[in-house]
Amino acid sequence: MAGWIDRWRAATVAIGSIQQADIRPRNGRVSTKKFFAVVGTGVLFSLHGPGRQESWLVTAKHVFLDPPDHWQPSTLGIVFPQTPGRRVKQGLEIPLQLTEAGRRCWYPHPDKAVDLACLPLSFTMRQPKPGAPSSITWMDIATTAELYEGVPIMVLGYPAAFDIPDSPRAIVRQGIVSWVSPTRPGSEVFLIDSHVFPGNSGGPVFRLPITIDREGHLTAGGAVTLLGIVTQARIQSLPLLAGGNHVDLYLQGKTRSEPLLTPSFLSLGLVEPAYRIKQLLVSATRRHHRRKKSAS
């Protein structure tokens, strides 16, 4: 059943690559199954200029490049969401070329500390038919005035642990904005209280139109707007306990014991705000046009 949320889902894609794994049933021969392994989420944007329309994919920068984890793929792929009822064997995967002749095809945010990047796409997102891929436009990006603590939000993404079915659709989660910089609201990262897991990186955070304003009055109307892009989940490493005691990990060849730490997800997500998305797209568009001019 189509609903208001479908437009935003249609603009949210899974980023990853085709992999294969051996299926070992209890009885029978081993078979090989291909599957799409998610590494992150992306958002499709349509930018309009004088006599031109361009499509861009925006995501977290570490989806494309993460040196501490030795992650630097030259190619990835995106899978578009499908609507229920469409008879397709699997989601449509489109390859993404991230490097060419040793040169990066994507553009990072001009501030190296900002975890955002974008990639120009070779196709243009046209006015979508119902159930077709959609995109976000400049008018869908929220203003700084729309970002404050307590705002109800919707988060879309493709968690890595989730096996994409035949009709992939971004997982929908809800939450609220839990913290905004008091000195630079809208210009600094903010926190959301929502379940964010690996694979959600690069996913969109939308502000819902029915909310309570800064003065505590219930307001309705308006539109769904993009508040930002998820970059990571807040994780705390805690000692593993058993019976109230710490479980020690003994490393071979070591005489000193060390505590075994386990990651604990705090249900808080770190989000790059809409203002930085605008900065990224403006900067990337200029750099991309200069690159095309120099190549011609």
Protein backbone atom coordinates (compact mmCIF):
# COMPACT_ATOMS: atom_id res chain seq x y z
CA MET A 1 0.00 0.00 0.00
CA ALA A 2 1.48 3.33 -1.04
CA GLY A 3 1.78 6.04 1.58
CA TRP A 4 3.43 9.37 2.25
CA ILE A 5 6.61 7.67 3.42
CA ASP A 6 7.20 5.92 0.08
CA ARG A 7 8.61 9.01 -1.63
CA TRP A 8 11.41 9.26 0.93
CA ARG A 9 12.05 5.54 0.83
CA ALA A 10 12.36 5.73 -2.95
CA ALA A 11 15.19 8.26 -2.56
CA THR A 12 17.06 6.06 -0.05
CA VAL A 13 19.32 3.39 -1.54
CA ALA A 14 21.50 0.58 -0.21
CA ILE A 15 25.24 0.79 -0.91
CA GLY A 16 27.35 -2.37 -1.00
CA SER A 17 28.56 -5.12 -3.30
CA ILE A 18 27.59 -8.52 -4.63
CA GLN A 19 29.15 -11.36 -2.66
CA GLN A 20 28.60 -15.08 -2.47
CA ALA A 21 28.44 -17.63 0.29
CA ASP A 22 28.24 -21.41 0.47
CA ILE A 23 24.94 -22.77 1.74
CA ARG A 24 25.44 -26.03 3.63
CA PRO A 25 22.13 -27.79 4.30
CA ARG A 26 22.02 -30.67 6.75
CA ASN A 27 21.29 -33.07 3.94
CA GLY A 28 22.22 -32.46 0.32
CA ARG A 29 24.93 -30.80 -1.75
CA VAL A 30 26.55 -27.50 -0.93
CA SER A 31 25.22 -24.66 -3.09
CA THR A 32 26.49 -21.14 -3.68
CA LYS A 33 24.21 -18.16 -3.17
CA LYS A 34 24.89 -14.61 -4.34
CA PHE A 35 23.72 -11.76 -2.14
CA PHE A 36 24.10 -8.01 -1.82
CA ALA A 37 26.25 -7.15 1.21
CA VAL A 38 25.30 -3.74 2.61
CA VAL A 39 28.10 -1.39 3.71
CA GLY A 40 26.03 1.77 4.03
CA THR A 41 23.01 3.81 2.97
CA GLY A 42 22.80 6.67 0.49
CA VAL A 43 20.40 9.45 -0.48
CA LEU A 44 19.63 10.51 -4.06
CA PHE A 45 19.57 14.23 -4.81
CA SER A 46 18.45 16.14 -7.90
CA LEU A 47 20.08 19.53 -8.47
CA HIS A 48 18.70 21.99 -10.99
CA GLY A 49 20.78 24.73 -12.59
CA PRO A 50 20.67 26.93 -15.70
CA GLY A 51 19.83 24.51 -18.48
CA ARG A 52 20.87 21.43 -16.58
CA GLN A 53 19.73 18.83 -14.07
CA GLU A 54 22.16 16.62 -12.20
CA SER A 55 21.81 13.61 -9.92
CA TRP A 56 24.05 13.01 -6.91
CA LEU A 57 24.45 10.29 -4.32
CA VAL A 58 25.18 11.57 -0.80
CA THR A 59 26.41 9.32 2.00
CA ALA A 60 28.84 9.21 4.93
CA LYS A 61 32.45 9.63 3.76
CA HIS A 62 33.63 6.50 5.58
CA VAL A 63 31.35 4.40 3.32
CA PHE A 64 33.72 5.33 0.46
CA LEU A 65 36.96 5.68 2.40
CA ASP A 66 37.91 4.57 5.92
CA PRO A 67 41.72 4.36 6.32
CA PRO A 68 41.69 3.12 9.96
CA ASP A 69 39.73 0.06 8.80
CA HIS A 70 41.81 -0.25 5.58
CA TRP A 71 38.62 0.34 3.57
CA GLN A 72 39.21 1.91 0.15
CA PRO A 73 37.06 0.19 -2.49
CA SER A 74 37.41 1.16 -6.15
CA THR A 75 33.85 0.07 -6.98
CA LEU A 76 30.62 -0.41 -5.11
CA GLY A 77 26.99 -0.70 -6.14
CA ILE A 78 23.61 0.72 -5.18
CA VAL A 79 20.32 -1.10 -4.96
CA PHE A 80 17.12 0.85 -5.51
CA PRO A 81 14.14 0.12 -3.29
CA GLN A 82 11.23 -1.75 -4.81
CA THR A 83 7.58 -1.40 -3.95
CA PRO A 84 5.57 -4.44 -2.85
CA GLY A 85 3.67 -6.21 -5.58
CA ARG A 86 6.21 -5.64 -8.33
CA ARG A 87 7.34 -8.99 -9.68
CA VAL A 88 11.11 -8.74 -9.74
CA LYS A 89 13.61 -11.45 -8.88
CA GLN A 90 15.86 -9.04 -6.99
CA GLY A 91 16.53 -5.36 -6.48
CA LEU A 92 18.17 -3.54 -9.37
CA GLU A 93 21.89 -3.06 -8.70
CA ILE A 94 23.79 -0.26 -10.46
CA PRO A 95 27.61 -0.25 -10.26
CA LEU A 96 29.41 2.80 -8.90
CA GLN A 97 32.92 3.67 -10.07
CA LEU A 98 34.69 5.28 -7.09
CA THR A 99 38.15 5.62 -8.63
CA GLU A 100 39.38 5.87 -12.21
CA ALA A 101 43.03 5.86 -13.30
CA GLY A 102 44.03 6.36 -9.69
CA ARG A 103 41.82 9.42 -9.32
CA ARG A 104 38.83 9.72 -7.00
CA CYS A 105 35.45 10.04 -8.74
CA TRP A 106 33.65 11.18 -5.58
CA TYR A 107 33.94 14.44 -3.63
CA PRO A 108 34.43 14.82 0.12
CA HIS A 109 33.12 17.74 2.16
CA PRO A 110 35.60 20.67 1.95
CA ASP A 111 36.15 20.32 5.71
CA LYS A 112 38.14 17.09 6.18
CA ALA A 113 36.62 16.62 9.65
CA VAL A 114 33.09 16.33 8.21
CA ASP A 115 32.02 12.75 7.53
CA LEU A 116 30.12 13.45 4.28
CA ALA A 117 30.82 12.67 0.63
CA CYS A 118 28.92 12.65 -2.65
CA LEU A 119 29.23 11.06 -6.07
CA PRO A 120 27.83 12.38 -9.37
CA LEU A 121 25.59 9.84 -11.06
CA SER A 122 25.54 9.15 -14.77
CA PHE A 123 21.75 9.11 -14.91
CA THR A 124 19.15 11.78 -14.20
CA MET A 125 16.23 11.31 -11.83
CA ARG A 126 13.10 12.37 -13.68
CA GLN A 127 9.68 13.09 -12.25
CA PRO A 128 8.90 9.68 -10.75
CA LYS A 129 5.90 7.53 -11.39
CA PRO A 130 4.24 5.96 -8.35
CA GLY A 131 6.62 3.35 -6.94
CA ALA A 132 9.59 4.47 -9.07
CA PRO A 133 12.92 5.77 -7.72
CA SER A 134 12.67 9.31 -6.43
CA SER A 135 15.13 11.95 -5.25
CA ILE A 136 15.45 14.84 -2.82
CA THR A 137 15.60 18.41 -4.08
CA TRP A 138 17.03 21.60 -2.62
CA MET A 139 13.58 22.58 -1.32
CA ASP A 140 13.35 19.38 0.75
CA ILE A 141 16.38 20.30 2.90
CA ALA A 142 15.44 21.69 6.32
CA THR A 143 16.41 25.12 7.57
CA THR A 144 18.33 25.72 10.81
CA ALA A 145 15.10 26.93 12.45
CA GLU A 146 13.59 23.45 12.02
CA LEU A 147 16.32 21.76 14.07
CA TYR A 148 15.97 21.80 17.86
CA GLU A 149 15.86 19.32 20.71
CA GLY A 150 12.69 17.24 21.02
CA VAL A 151 11.75 17.31 17.31
CA PRO A 152 10.21 13.96 16.27
CA ILE A 153 12.11 12.33 13.44
CA MET A 154 12.05 9.43 10.98
CA VAL A 155 15.29 7.58 10.15
CA LEU A 156 15.71 5.44 7.03
CA GLY A 157 18.51 2.98 6.35
CA TYR A 158 19.70 -0.50 5.47
CA PRO A 159 21.34 -2.16 8.51
CA ALA A 160 24.24 -4.38 7.45
CA ALA A 161 22.88 -7.35 9.40
CA PHE A 162 19.63 -7.19 7.42
CA ASP A 163 19.46 -9.49 4.39
CA ILE A 164 17.96 -7.51 1.51
CA PRO A 165 14.86 -9.40 0.34
CA ASP A 166 13.53 -9.65 -3.20
CA SER A 167 11.79 -6.29 -2.77
CA PRO A 168 14.27 -4.18 -0.78
CA ARG A 169 12.92 -1.22 1.17
CA ALA A 170 14.72 0.96 3.68
CA ILE A 171 13.98 0.14 7.30
CA VAL A 172 11.94 2.88 9.01
CA ARG A 173 12.74 3.94 12.56
CA GLN A 174 11.44 6.79 14.65
CA GLY A 175 12.97 8.90 17.39
CA ILE A 176 13.66 12.46 18.47
CA VAL A 177 16.47 14.98 18.25
CA SER A 178 18.18 14.54 21.62
CA TRP A 179 20.97 17.16 21.52
CA VAL A 180 21.85 20.18 19.40
CA SER A 181 24.89 22.42 19.81
CA PRO A 182 23.79 25.42 21.92
CA THR A 183 26.36 27.70 20.32
CA ARG A 184 26.18 26.59 16.65
CA PRO A 185 22.77 24.95 16.11
CA GLY A 186 22.41 23.66 12.58
CA SER A 187 26.14 24.01 11.86
CA GLU A 188 27.50 21.27 14.12
CA VAL A 189 26.73 17.56 14.40
CA PHE A 190 23.69 16.71 16.49
CA LEU A 191 22.47 13.59 18.29
CA ILE A 192 19.29 11.62 17.73
CA ASP A 193 17.64 9.13 20.05
CA SER A 194 16.95 6.32 17.59
CA HIS A 195 18.33 2.85 16.92
CA VAL A 196 21.31 3.28 14.60
CA PHE A 197 23.43 0.28 13.60
CA PRO A 198 26.23 -0.47 11.09
CA GLY A 199 24.80 -0.06 7.60
CA ASN A 200 22.72 2.96 8.66
CA SER A 201 25.70 5.22 7.89
CA GLY A 202 24.69 7.68 5.19
CA GLY A 203 20.96 7.27 5.86
CA PRO A 204 18.61 10.27 5.95
CA VAL A 205 17.01 11.80 9.04
CA PHE A 206 13.70 13.56 8.37
CA ARG A 207 11.78 15.99 10.52
CA LEU A 208 8.11 15.12 10.88
CA PRO A 209 5.67 18.02 10.39
CA ILE A 210 3.46 17.40 13.44
CA THR A 211 5.51 18.53 16.39
CA ILE A 212 5.84 20.83 19.38
CA ASP A 213 7.53 24.16 18.71
CA ARG A 214 10.19 25.80 20.86
CA GLU A 215 7.51 27.41 23.05
CA GLY A 216 5.79 24.08 23.71
CA HIS A 217 2.78 24.62 21.43
CA LEU A 218 1.47 21.73 19.33
CA THR A 219 1.80 22.55 15.65
CA ALA A 220 0.58 20.74 12.57
CA GLY A 221 1.03 21.12 8.85
CA GLY A 222 4.18 21.95 7.00
CA ALA A 223 6.20 19.33 5.17
CA VAL A 224 8.62 16.50 5.84
CA THR A 225 12.14 17.95 5.54
CA LEU A 226 15.64 16.49 5.58
CA LEU A 227 17.47 17.34 8.82
CA GLY A 228 20.71 15.50 8.14
CA ILE A 229 22.67 12.34 7.34
CA VAL A 230 23.57 9.62 9.87
CA THR A 231 27.32 9.12 10.18
CA GLN A 232 27.71 6.71 13.10
CA ALA A 233 26.15 5.10 16.13
CA ARG A 234 27.36 5.99 19.59
CA ILE A 235 28.98 2.88 21.07
CA GLN A 236 30.44 2.33 24.52
CA SER A 237 32.86 -0.52 25.25
CA LEU A 238 31.93 -2.24 28.50
CA PRO A 239 33.62 -5.10 30.40
CA LEU A 240 31.96 -8.47 29.98
CA LEU A 241 30.40 -9.62 33.25
CA ALA A 242 29.40 -13.06 34.49
CA GLY A 243 27.82 -13.50 37.90
CA GLY A 244 28.68 -9.94 38.77
CA ASN A 245 32.39 -10.49 38.11
CA HIS A 246 34.58 -9.36 35.24
CA VAL A 247 35.46 -11.99 32.66
CA ASP A 248 39.19 -11.82 32.02
CA LEU A 249 40.71 -12.57 28.62
CA TYR A 250 44.05 -14.38 28.76
CA LEU A 251 46.13 -13.82 25.63
CA GLN A 252 48.54 -16.55 24.62
CA GLY A 253 52.06 -15.61 25.65
CA LYS A 254 50.83 -12.87 27.98
CA THR A 255 51.09 -13.17 31.75
CA ARG A 256 48.82 -10.18 32.47
CA SER A 257 45.07 -10.54 32.07
CA GLU A 258 43.05 -7.94 30.21
CA PRO A 259 39.30 -7.28 30.48
CA LEU A 260 37.17 -8.58 27.62
CA LEU A 261 35.24 -5.61 26.27
CA THR A 262 31.94 -5.82 24.45
CA PRO A 263 30.37 -3.00 22.40
CA SER A 264 27.18 -1.55 23.82
CA PHE A 265 24.94 0.44 21.47
CA LEU A 266 23.55 3.49 23.26
CA SER A 267 20.63 4.02 20.82
CA LEU A 268 22.13 7.41 20.00
CA GLY A 269 23.15 8.39 16.50
CA LEU A 270 25.52 11.10 15.32
CA VAL A 271 24.10 13.17 12.44
CA GLU A 272 25.70 15.68 10.07
CA PRO A 273 23.19 18.55 9.69
CA ALA A 274 21.45 19.76 6.55
CA TYR A 275 23.61 22.88 6.42
CA ARG A 276 26.70 20.74 5.83
CA ILE A 277 24.88 18.75 3.12
CA LYS A 278 24.28 22.02 1.27
CA GLN A 279 27.94 22.97 1.69
CA LEU A 280 28.98 19.59 0.28
CA LEU A 281 26.72 19.75 -2.77
CA VAL A 282 27.66 23.35 -3.64
CA SER A 283 31.37 22.63 -3.32
CA ALA A 284 31.18 19.30 -5.18
CA THR A 285 29.18 20.78 -8.05
CA ARG A 286 31.76 23.51 -8.59
CA ARG A 287 34.68 21.10 -8.42
CA HIS A 288 32.96 18.65 -10.75
CA HIS A 289 32.27 21.31 -13.39
CA ARG A 290 35.87 22.54 -13.21
CA ARG A 291 37.11 18.97 -13.65
CA LYS A 292 34.89 18.45 -16.70
CA LYS A 293 36.08 21.74 -18.23
CA SER A 294 39.74 20.85 -17.74
CA ALA A 295 39.15 17.42 -19.30
CA SER A 296 37.46 18.84 -22.42
